[in-house]
Amino acid sequence: MIRTLSTKQGREYSVDKYLEIIAEKEGITKEEVQQEIGRAVSIALKSPDPKMQRFWTDFPCENDTPTIEEIIYHLAEKFAKES
């Protein structure tokens, strides 16, 4: 399923497009962005912090571990609602 996120300007981008935008801003490849996010998620999933464990347990995803796309989509939606 291709998910899209809307910008404040009303544009809609796929999560893949956001990865490309991040990569361009950081001067790295999209694959490197995905690897960095993957490493950060791997570390976060192993956190002994009860709040972090609850966050990941409650995280909406199709399988036991969220995909990078699910993480970006969910967090972007959450931040958009809070701003």
Protein backbone atom coordinates (compact mmCIF):
# COMPACT_ATOMS: atom_id res chain seq x y z
CA MET A 1 0.00 0.00 0.00
CA ILE A 2 1.39 3.40 -1.00
CA ARG A 3 0.71 5.94 1.67
CA THR A 4 0.83 9.65 1.07
CA LEU A 5 1.32 12.54 3.44
CA SER A 6 0.13 16.07 2.87
CA THR A 7 2.30 19.13 3.37
CA LYS A 8 1.07 22.40 4.83
CA GLN A 9 1.01 23.70 1.26
CA GLY A 10 -1.49 20.98 0.33
CA ARG A 11 0.94 18.84 -1.68
CA GLU A 12 0.85 15.10 -1.23
CA TYR A 13 4.01 13.01 -1.27
CA SER A 14 4.61 9.31 -0.84
CA VAL A 15 6.82 8.18 2.02
CA ASP A 16 9.34 7.21 -0.67
CA LYS A 17 9.40 10.81 -1.87
CA TYR A 18 10.04 12.04 1.67
CA LEU A 19 12.99 9.64 1.91
CA GLU A 20 14.33 11.17 -1.31
CA ILE A 21 13.87 14.70 0.07
CA ILE A 22 15.70 13.80 3.30
CA ALA A 23 18.49 12.14 1.31
CA GLU A 24 18.95 15.19 -0.86
CA LYS A 25 19.04 17.54 2.15
CA GLU A 26 21.56 15.31 3.94
CA GLY A 27 23.71 14.70 0.86
CA ILE A 28 23.30 10.92 1.05
CA THR A 29 21.36 8.28 -0.85
CA LYS A 30 17.80 7.25 -0.10
CA GLU A 31 19.14 3.82 0.82
CA GLU A 32 21.49 5.40 3.37
CA VAL A 33 18.56 7.28 4.90
CA GLN A 34 16.66 3.99 5.19
CA GLN A 35 19.69 2.30 6.77
CA GLU A 36 20.10 5.10 9.32
CA ILE A 37 16.43 4.98 10.25
CA GLY A 38 16.63 1.19 10.45
CA ARG A 39 19.61 1.37 12.82
CA ALA A 40 17.87 3.93 15.03
CA VAL A 41 14.71 1.82 15.17
CA SER A 42 16.70 -1.31 15.98
CA ILE A 43 18.31 0.46 18.93
CA ALA A 44 14.99 1.95 20.07
CA LEU A 45 13.23 -1.42 19.93
CA LYS A 46 15.80 -2.84 22.35
CA SER A 47 15.43 0.00 24.86
CA PRO A 48 14.70 -1.17 28.41
CA ASP A 49 12.85 2.11 29.08
CA PRO A 50 9.20 1.24 29.89
CA LYS A 51 7.92 4.30 27.98
CA MET A 52 9.82 3.23 24.86
CA GLN A 53 8.59 -0.34 25.20
CA ARG A 54 5.01 0.90 25.50
CA PHE A 55 5.51 3.20 22.50
CA TRP A 56 6.63 0.28 20.32
CA THR A 57 4.01 -2.10 21.69
CA ASP A 58 1.27 0.42 20.82
CA PHE A 59 2.81 1.37 17.47
CA PRO A 60 0.37 0.75 14.60
CA CYS A 61 1.95 -1.70 12.17
CA GLU A 62 1.01 -4.73 10.12
CA ASN A 63 3.62 -7.08 11.63
CA ASP A 64 5.53 -7.41 14.90
CA THR A 65 8.10 -4.80 13.87
CA PRO A 66 7.14 -1.65 11.98
CA THR A 67 8.66 -0.97 8.60
CA ILE A 68 10.57 2.23 7.93
CA GLU A 69 7.67 3.42 5.81
CA GLU A 70 5.17 2.75 8.62
CA ILE A 71 7.37 4.63 11.08
CA ILE A 72 7.77 7.67 8.85
CA TYR A 73 4.08 7.73 7.99
CA HIS A 74 2.89 7.38 11.58
CA LEU A 75 5.33 9.90 13.05
CA ALA A 76 4.72 12.44 10.29
CA GLU A 77 0.97 12.16 10.84
CA LYS A 78 1.41 12.50 14.58
CA PHE A 79 3.65 15.58 14.28
CA ALA A 80 1.30 17.16 11.74
CA LYS A 81 -1.63 16.80 14.15
CA GLU A 82 0.41 18.28 17.02
CA SER A 83 1.63 21.33 15.08
